[in-house]
Amino acid sequence: MKKIYLLTKIPFHIFNIALIILYLFPGSILGWIVYNDFQKQPQLTSNFFVSSNHLYAFLIFATLGIFSFEKKRSRLLFIYLFSISLFLELCHLIIPERNFEYSDLSGNFLGVLLVFLVFKFYQYFKNKK
């Protein structure tokens, strides 16, 4: 299990930095790469009540975080993940060409919450044995 921690810690930090850059850039870097247009945002799947792109990003981010840090820091990790998702989405209120959207924020929170629940169920059943 220690090897998993070491193999995911660097990708977690890289993903963290990349997510911050993508969130705070005034326009869409991914839209520029895919469509050569800063105004257009690539969509992986259609949205359903929440932003699917944000859900997928925070599912990956939270999963990397769980495997990167010891179990005793999991509460702190999830506080960080919820806080960073809220902070980054609130920044869209002041960043030009970006818009605050509740569906994005919901996607962020749902991604973190799903990983948190799976992790808690895993811990519960592991400790029961």
N, C-alpha and C. Protein backbone atom coordinates (compact mmCIF):
# COMPACT_ATOMS: atom_id res chain seq x y z
N MET A 1 0.82 -1.19 0.00
CA MET A 1 0.00 0.00 0.00
C MET A 1 0.87 1.27 0.00
N LYS A 2 2.05 1.18 0.59
CA LYS A 2 2.95 2.34 0.61
C LYS A 2 3.34 2.76 -0.80
N LYS A 3 3.53 1.77 -1.71
CA LYS A 3 3.91 2.10 -3.07
C LYS A 3 2.82 2.90 -3.77
N ILE A 4 1.56 2.58 -3.48
CA ILE A 4 0.46 3.32 -4.08
C ILE A 4 0.51 4.78 -3.62
N TYR A 5 0.81 4.99 -2.33
CA TYR A 5 0.93 6.36 -1.83
C TYR A 5 1.99 7.13 -2.61
N LEU A 6 3.13 6.50 -2.81
CA LEU A 6 4.23 7.17 -3.51
C LEU A 6 3.91 7.40 -4.98
N LEU A 7 3.22 6.45 -5.61
CA LEU A 7 2.91 6.57 -7.03
C LEU A 7 1.80 7.58 -7.31
N THR A 8 0.99 7.91 -6.32
CA THR A 8 -0.13 8.82 -6.56
C THR A 8 0.09 10.22 -5.97
N LYS A 9 1.06 10.37 -5.11
CA LYS A 9 1.26 11.67 -4.47
C LYS A 9 1.67 12.74 -5.49
N ILE A 10 2.61 12.43 -6.35
CA ILE A 10 3.05 13.40 -7.36
C ILE A 10 1.93 13.70 -8.35
N PRO A 11 1.24 12.66 -8.90
CA PRO A 11 0.10 12.98 -9.78
C PRO A 11 -0.99 13.80 -9.09
N PHE A 12 -1.21 13.56 -7.81
CA PHE A 12 -2.21 14.35 -7.07
C PHE A 12 -1.82 15.82 -7.07
N HIS A 13 -0.56 16.11 -6.78
CA HIS A 13 -0.12 17.51 -6.73
C HIS A 13 -0.13 18.13 -8.13
N ILE A 14 0.26 17.37 -9.14
CA ILE A 14 0.23 17.88 -10.52
C ILE A 14 -1.22 18.17 -10.94
N PHE A 15 -2.13 17.25 -10.62
CA PHE A 15 -3.55 17.43 -10.94
C PHE A 15 -4.10 18.65 -10.20
N ASN A 16 -3.68 18.83 -8.97
CA ASN A 16 -4.10 19.98 -8.16
C ASN A 16 -3.68 21.29 -8.84
N ILE A 17 -2.43 21.38 -9.23
CA ILE A 17 -1.92 22.59 -9.89
C ILE A 17 -2.62 22.81 -11.23
N ALA A 18 -2.78 21.73 -12.01
CA ALA A 18 -3.45 21.84 -13.31
C ALA A 18 -4.89 22.31 -13.15
N LEU A 19 -5.58 21.78 -12.15
CA LEU A 19 -6.97 22.16 -11.90
C LEU A 19 -7.06 23.64 -11.53
N ILE A 20 -6.14 24.10 -10.71
CA ILE A 20 -6.13 25.52 -10.32
C ILE A 20 -5.89 26.40 -11.54
N ILE A 21 -4.95 26.02 -12.38
CA ILE A 21 -4.66 26.80 -13.60
C ILE A 21 -5.87 26.82 -14.52
N LEU A 22 -6.48 25.65 -14.75
CA LEU A 22 -7.65 25.58 -15.63
C LEU A 22 -8.82 26.40 -15.09
N TYR A 23 -9.00 26.40 -13.79
CA TYR A 23 -10.10 27.14 -13.17
C TYR A 23 -9.88 28.65 -13.21
N LEU A 24 -8.66 29.08 -12.99
CA LEU A 24 -8.40 30.51 -12.83
C LEU A 24 -8.06 31.23 -14.13
N PHE A 25 -7.84 30.49 -15.20
CA PHE A 25 -7.53 31.11 -16.49
C PHE A 25 -8.80 31.74 -17.06
N PRO A 26 -8.72 32.99 -17.51
CA PRO A 26 -9.91 33.65 -18.06
C PRO A 26 -10.21 33.15 -19.48
N GLY A 27 -10.92 32.08 -19.57
CA GLY A 27 -11.23 31.43 -20.83
C GLY A 27 -10.97 29.95 -20.67
N SER A 28 -11.10 29.22 -21.74
CA SER A 28 -10.94 27.78 -21.68
C SER A 28 -9.66 27.34 -22.37
N ILE A 29 -8.68 26.92 -21.59
CA ILE A 29 -7.43 26.40 -22.17
C ILE A 29 -7.73 25.13 -22.95
N LEU A 30 -8.59 24.27 -22.39
CA LEU A 30 -8.94 23.03 -23.08
C LEU A 30 -9.70 23.32 -24.38
N GLY A 31 -10.56 24.35 -24.37
CA GLY A 31 -11.25 24.75 -25.58
C GLY A 31 -10.28 25.23 -26.64
N TRP A 32 -9.24 25.92 -26.23
CA TRP A 32 -8.23 26.39 -27.17
C TRP A 32 -7.47 25.21 -27.77
N ILE A 33 -7.13 24.22 -26.92
CA ILE A 33 -6.40 23.04 -27.41
C ILE A 33 -7.26 22.22 -28.36
N VAL A 34 -8.52 21.97 -27.99
CA VAL A 34 -9.39 21.10 -28.78
C VAL A 34 -9.99 21.81 -29.99
N TYR A 35 -10.52 23.03 -29.77
CA TYR A 35 -11.27 23.73 -30.82
C TYR A 35 -10.56 24.97 -31.37
N ASN A 36 -9.40 25.31 -30.83
CA ASN A 36 -8.70 26.53 -31.16
C ASN A 36 -9.57 27.76 -30.88
N ASP A 37 -10.33 27.69 -29.77
CA ASP A 37 -11.26 28.74 -29.38
C ASP A 37 -11.33 28.82 -27.86
N PHE A 38 -10.89 29.95 -27.29
CA PHE A 38 -10.91 30.12 -25.84
C PHE A 38 -12.32 30.22 -25.27
N GLN A 39 -13.30 30.53 -26.12
CA GLN A 39 -14.68 30.70 -25.66
C GLN A 39 -15.44 29.38 -25.54
N LYS A 40 -14.97 28.36 -26.22
CA LYS A 40 -15.70 27.09 -26.28
C LYS A 40 -15.11 26.09 -25.30
N GLN A 41 -15.99 25.45 -24.53
CA GLN A 41 -15.56 24.48 -23.52
C GLN A 41 -15.88 23.06 -24.02
N PRO A 42 -14.88 22.16 -24.07
CA PRO A 42 -15.17 20.78 -24.46
C PRO A 42 -16.09 20.11 -23.43
N GLN A 43 -16.99 19.30 -23.89
CA GLN A 43 -17.93 18.61 -23.02
C GLN A 43 -17.75 17.11 -23.21
N LEU A 44 -17.36 16.40 -22.13
CA LEU A 44 -17.14 14.95 -22.23
C LEU A 44 -18.45 14.20 -22.42
N THR A 45 -19.42 14.49 -21.59
CA THR A 45 -20.75 13.91 -21.71
C THR A 45 -21.76 15.01 -21.41
N SER A 46 -23.00 14.76 -21.73
CA SER A 46 -24.00 15.79 -21.46
C SER A 46 -24.23 15.94 -19.96
N ASN A 47 -24.59 17.13 -19.57
CA ASN A 47 -24.83 17.41 -18.15
C ASN A 47 -26.15 16.82 -17.69
N PHE A 48 -26.21 16.47 -16.43
CA PHE A 48 -27.42 15.95 -15.79
C PHE A 48 -27.49 16.56 -14.41
N PHE A 49 -28.27 17.54 -14.18
CA PHE A 49 -28.41 18.27 -12.91
C PHE A 49 -27.09 18.90 -12.44
N VAL A 50 -25.99 18.23 -12.65
CA VAL A 50 -24.68 18.75 -12.27
C VAL A 50 -23.79 18.75 -13.51
N SER A 51 -22.72 19.51 -13.46
CA SER A 51 -21.77 19.54 -14.57
C SER A 51 -20.98 18.25 -14.59
N SER A 52 -21.10 17.50 -15.67
CA SER A 52 -20.41 16.22 -15.76
C SER A 52 -18.89 16.40 -15.79
N ASN A 53 -18.40 17.43 -16.49
CA ASN A 53 -16.96 17.66 -16.52
C ASN A 53 -16.41 17.89 -15.11
N HIS A 54 -17.11 18.67 -14.32
CA HIS A 54 -16.66 18.95 -12.96
C HIS A 54 -16.76 17.70 -12.08
N LEU A 55 -17.81 16.93 -12.28
CA LEU A 55 -17.96 15.68 -11.54
C LEU A 55 -16.79 14.74 -11.81
N TYR A 56 -16.46 14.55 -13.09
CA TYR A 56 -15.35 13.66 -13.45
C TYR A 56 -14.02 14.16 -12.90
N ALA A 57 -13.79 15.48 -13.02
CA ALA A 57 -12.53 16.05 -12.55
C ALA A 57 -12.36 15.84 -11.05
N PHE A 58 -13.41 16.08 -10.29
CA PHE A 58 -13.28 15.95 -8.84
C PHE A 58 -13.36 14.50 -8.38
N LEU A 59 -13.94 13.61 -9.17
CA LEU A 59 -13.84 12.17 -8.87
C LEU A 59 -12.39 11.72 -8.96
N ILE A 60 -11.73 12.13 -10.02
CA ILE A 60 -10.31 11.78 -10.21
C ILE A 60 -9.45 12.43 -9.14
N PHE A 61 -9.68 13.72 -8.89
CA PHE A 61 -8.91 14.47 -7.92
C PHE A 61 -9.04 13.86 -6.52
N ALA A 62 -10.25 13.56 -6.10
CA ALA A 62 -10.47 12.99 -4.78
C ALA A 62 -9.90 11.57 -4.68
N THR A 63 -10.02 10.79 -5.75
CA THR A 63 -9.48 9.44 -5.74
C THR A 63 -7.96 9.46 -5.62
N LEU A 64 -7.32 10.33 -6.38
CA LEU A 64 -5.86 10.48 -6.24
C LEU A 64 -5.49 10.91 -4.83
N GLY A 65 -6.29 11.81 -4.26
CA GLY A 65 -6.02 12.28 -2.90
C GLY A 65 -6.12 11.16 -1.87
N ILE A 66 -7.13 10.30 -2.00
CA ILE A 66 -7.31 9.19 -1.05
C ILE A 66 -6.13 8.24 -1.10
N PHE A 67 -5.66 7.95 -2.31
CA PHE A 67 -4.53 7.03 -2.42
C PHE A 67 -3.20 7.69 -2.08
N SER A 68 -3.17 9.01 -2.04
CA SER A 68 -1.93 9.73 -1.79
C SER A 68 -1.63 9.96 -0.31
N PHE A 69 -2.66 10.03 0.49
CA PHE A 69 -2.45 10.38 1.90
C PHE A 69 -2.95 9.28 2.81
N GLU A 70 -2.33 9.19 3.95
CA GLU A 70 -2.70 8.16 4.90
C GLU A 70 -4.13 8.33 5.36
N LYS A 71 -4.68 7.25 5.87
CA LYS A 71 -6.08 7.25 6.33
C LYS A 71 -6.33 8.30 7.41
N LYS A 72 -5.33 8.52 8.27
CA LYS A 72 -5.55 9.46 9.37
C LYS A 72 -5.71 10.90 8.90
N ARG A 73 -5.31 11.19 7.67
CA ARG A 73 -5.46 12.53 7.14
C ARG A 73 -6.67 12.66 6.22
N SER A 74 -7.49 11.64 6.14
CA SER A 74 -8.59 11.67 5.19
C SER A 74 -9.59 12.79 5.48
N ARG A 75 -9.86 13.06 6.73
CA ARG A 75 -10.80 14.14 7.07
C ARG A 75 -10.24 15.48 6.59
N LEU A 76 -8.98 15.73 6.83
CA LEU A 76 -8.34 16.97 6.39
C LEU A 76 -8.34 17.06 4.87
N LEU A 77 -8.09 15.94 4.21
CA LEU A 77 -8.10 15.91 2.74
C LEU A 77 -9.47 16.30 2.21
N PHE A 78 -10.53 15.74 2.75
CA PHE A 78 -11.86 16.05 2.25
C PHE A 78 -12.27 17.49 2.56
N ILE A 79 -11.84 18.01 3.68
CA ILE A 79 -12.08 19.43 3.97
C ILE A 79 -11.38 20.29 2.91
N TYR A 80 -10.14 19.91 2.59
CA TYR A 80 -9.40 20.63 1.55
C TYR A 80 -10.11 20.54 0.21
N LEU A 81 -10.54 19.34 -0.17
CA LEU A 81 -11.18 19.15 -1.47
C LEU A 81 -12.48 19.95 -1.59
N PHE A 82 -13.31 19.93 -0.55
CA PHE A 82 -14.54 20.72 -0.57
C PHE A 82 -14.22 22.21 -0.60
N SER A 83 -13.23 22.62 0.17
CA SER A 83 -12.86 24.04 0.24
C SER A 83 -12.31 24.54 -1.09
N ILE A 84 -11.41 23.77 -1.69
CA ILE A 84 -10.81 24.21 -2.96
C ILE A 84 -11.86 24.25 -4.06
N SER A 85 -12.80 23.31 -4.04
CA SER A 85 -13.84 23.34 -5.08
C SER A 85 -14.74 24.56 -4.91
N LEU A 86 -15.06 24.91 -3.68
CA LEU A 86 -15.87 26.11 -3.43
C LEU A 86 -15.09 27.38 -3.79
N PHE A 87 -13.85 27.46 -3.33
CA PHE A 87 -13.02 28.64 -3.60
C PHE A 87 -12.84 28.86 -5.10
N LEU A 88 -12.50 27.80 -5.83
CA LEU A 88 -12.25 27.96 -7.26
C LEU A 88 -13.52 28.37 -8.01
N GLU A 89 -14.64 27.81 -7.62
CA GLU A 89 -15.89 28.19 -8.29
C GLU A 89 -16.28 29.62 -7.94
N LEU A 90 -16.07 30.05 -6.70
CA LEU A 90 -16.36 31.43 -6.32
C LEU A 90 -15.46 32.43 -7.05
N CYS A 91 -14.25 32.00 -7.38
CA CYS A 91 -13.35 32.87 -8.14
C CYS A 91 -13.93 33.23 -9.51
N HIS A 92 -14.81 32.39 -10.02
CA HIS A 92 -15.43 32.66 -11.32
C HIS A 92 -16.33 33.90 -11.28
N LEU A 93 -16.67 34.34 -10.08
CA LEU A 93 -17.45 35.57 -9.97
C LEU A 93 -16.65 36.80 -10.38
N ILE A 94 -15.32 36.73 -10.25
CA ILE A 94 -14.49 37.91 -10.54
C ILE A 94 -13.57 37.71 -11.75
N ILE A 95 -13.44 36.50 -12.26
CA ILE A 95 -12.56 36.25 -13.39
C ILE A 95 -13.31 36.56 -14.68
N PRO A 96 -12.73 37.39 -15.56
CA PRO A 96 -13.39 37.69 -16.83
C PRO A 96 -13.57 36.42 -17.67
N GLU A 97 -14.62 36.38 -18.45
CA GLU A 97 -14.93 35.26 -19.34
C GLU A 97 -15.29 33.97 -18.60
N ARG A 98 -15.45 34.02 -17.29
CA ARG A 98 -15.85 32.84 -16.51
C ARG A 98 -17.13 33.17 -15.76
N ASN A 99 -17.95 32.16 -15.51
CA ASN A 99 -19.21 32.36 -14.82
C ASN A 99 -19.36 31.38 -13.67
N PHE A 100 -19.82 31.87 -12.54
CA PHE A 100 -20.15 31.00 -11.43
C PHE A 100 -21.43 30.26 -11.79
N GLU A 101 -21.41 28.94 -11.61
CA GLU A 101 -22.61 28.14 -11.89
C GLU A 101 -22.80 27.13 -10.77
N TYR A 102 -24.03 27.07 -10.30
CA TYR A 102 -24.34 26.11 -9.24
C TYR A 102 -24.17 24.67 -9.71
N SER A 103 -24.43 24.41 -10.99
CA SER A 103 -24.27 23.05 -11.50
C SER A 103 -22.80 22.62 -11.46
N ASP A 104 -21.89 23.56 -11.71
CA ASP A 104 -20.46 23.26 -11.61
C ASP A 104 -20.07 22.96 -10.17
N LEU A 105 -20.54 23.80 -9.26
CA LEU A 105 -20.24 23.62 -7.84
C LEU A 105 -20.83 22.29 -7.35
N SER A 106 -22.03 21.98 -7.79
CA SER A 106 -22.66 20.71 -7.41
C SER A 106 -21.87 19.52 -7.95
N GLY A 107 -21.37 19.64 -9.17
CA GLY A 107 -20.54 18.58 -9.74
C GLY A 107 -19.26 18.38 -8.95
N ASN A 108 -18.65 19.49 -8.52
CA ASN A 108 -17.45 19.41 -7.69
C ASN A 108 -17.75 18.67 -6.39
N PHE A 109 -18.79 19.14 -5.70
CA PHE A 109 -19.14 18.54 -4.40
C PHE A 109 -19.55 17.09 -4.54
N LEU A 110 -20.32 16.77 -5.57
CA LEU A 110 -20.77 15.39 -5.75
C LEU A 110 -19.60 14.46 -6.03
N GLY A 111 -18.63 14.92 -6.82
CA GLY A 111 -17.44 14.11 -7.09
C GLY A 111 -16.68 13.78 -5.82
N VAL A 112 -16.48 14.77 -4.99
CA VAL A 112 -15.77 14.57 -3.72
C VAL A 112 -16.61 13.70 -2.78
N LEU A 113 -17.89 13.97 -2.72
CA LEU A 113 -18.77 13.23 -1.82
C LEU A 113 -18.85 11.74 -2.18
N LEU A 114 -18.91 11.43 -3.46
CA LEU A 114 -18.96 10.02 -3.88
C LEU A 114 -17.71 9.26 -3.45
N VAL A 115 -16.55 9.88 -3.68
CA VAL A 115 -15.30 9.23 -3.27
C VAL A 115 -15.25 9.09 -1.76
N PHE A 116 -15.69 10.13 -1.04
CA PHE A 116 -15.71 10.09 0.42
C PHE A 116 -16.59 8.94 0.92
N LEU A 117 -17.78 8.79 0.35
CA LEU A 117 -18.69 7.73 0.79
C LEU A 117 -18.13 6.34 0.49
N VAL A 118 -17.57 6.16 -0.68
CA VAL A 118 -16.96 4.86 -1.02
C VAL A 118 -15.81 4.56 -0.06
N PHE A 119 -15.00 5.57 0.23
CA PHE A 119 -13.89 5.40 1.17
C PHE A 119 -14.39 5.03 2.56
N LYS A 120 -15.44 5.70 3.04
CA LYS A 120 -15.99 5.39 4.36
C LYS A 120 -16.59 3.99 4.42
N PHE A 121 -17.29 3.57 3.37
CA PHE A 121 -17.82 2.20 3.31
C PHE A 121 -16.69 1.18 3.32
N TYR A 122 -15.64 1.47 2.55
CA TYR A 122 -14.48 0.58 2.52
C TYR A 122 -13.86 0.46 3.91
N GLN A 123 -13.67 1.59 4.59
CA GLN A 123 -13.10 1.58 5.93
C GLN A 123 -14.00 0.81 6.89
N TYR A 124 -15.28 1.01 6.80
CA TYR A 124 -16.23 0.36 7.70
C TYR A 124 -16.18 -1.17 7.55
N PHE A 125 -16.24 -1.64 6.30
CA PHE A 125 -16.23 -3.08 6.08
C PHE A 125 -14.86 -3.69 6.33
N LYS A 126 -13.81 -2.94 6.11
CA LYS A 126 -12.47 -3.45 6.39
C LYS A 126 -12.28 -3.62 7.90
N ASN A 127 -12.77 -2.68 8.69
CA ASN A 127 -12.64 -2.74 10.15
C ASN A 127 -13.55 -3.79 10.77
N LYS A 128 -14.62 -4.14 10.07
CA LYS A 128 -15.55 -5.13 10.59
C LYS A 128 -14.95 -6.55 10.57
N LYS A 129 -14.03 -6.77 9.66
CA LYS A 129 -13.44 -8.12 9.53
C LYS A 129 -12.50 -8.44 10.66
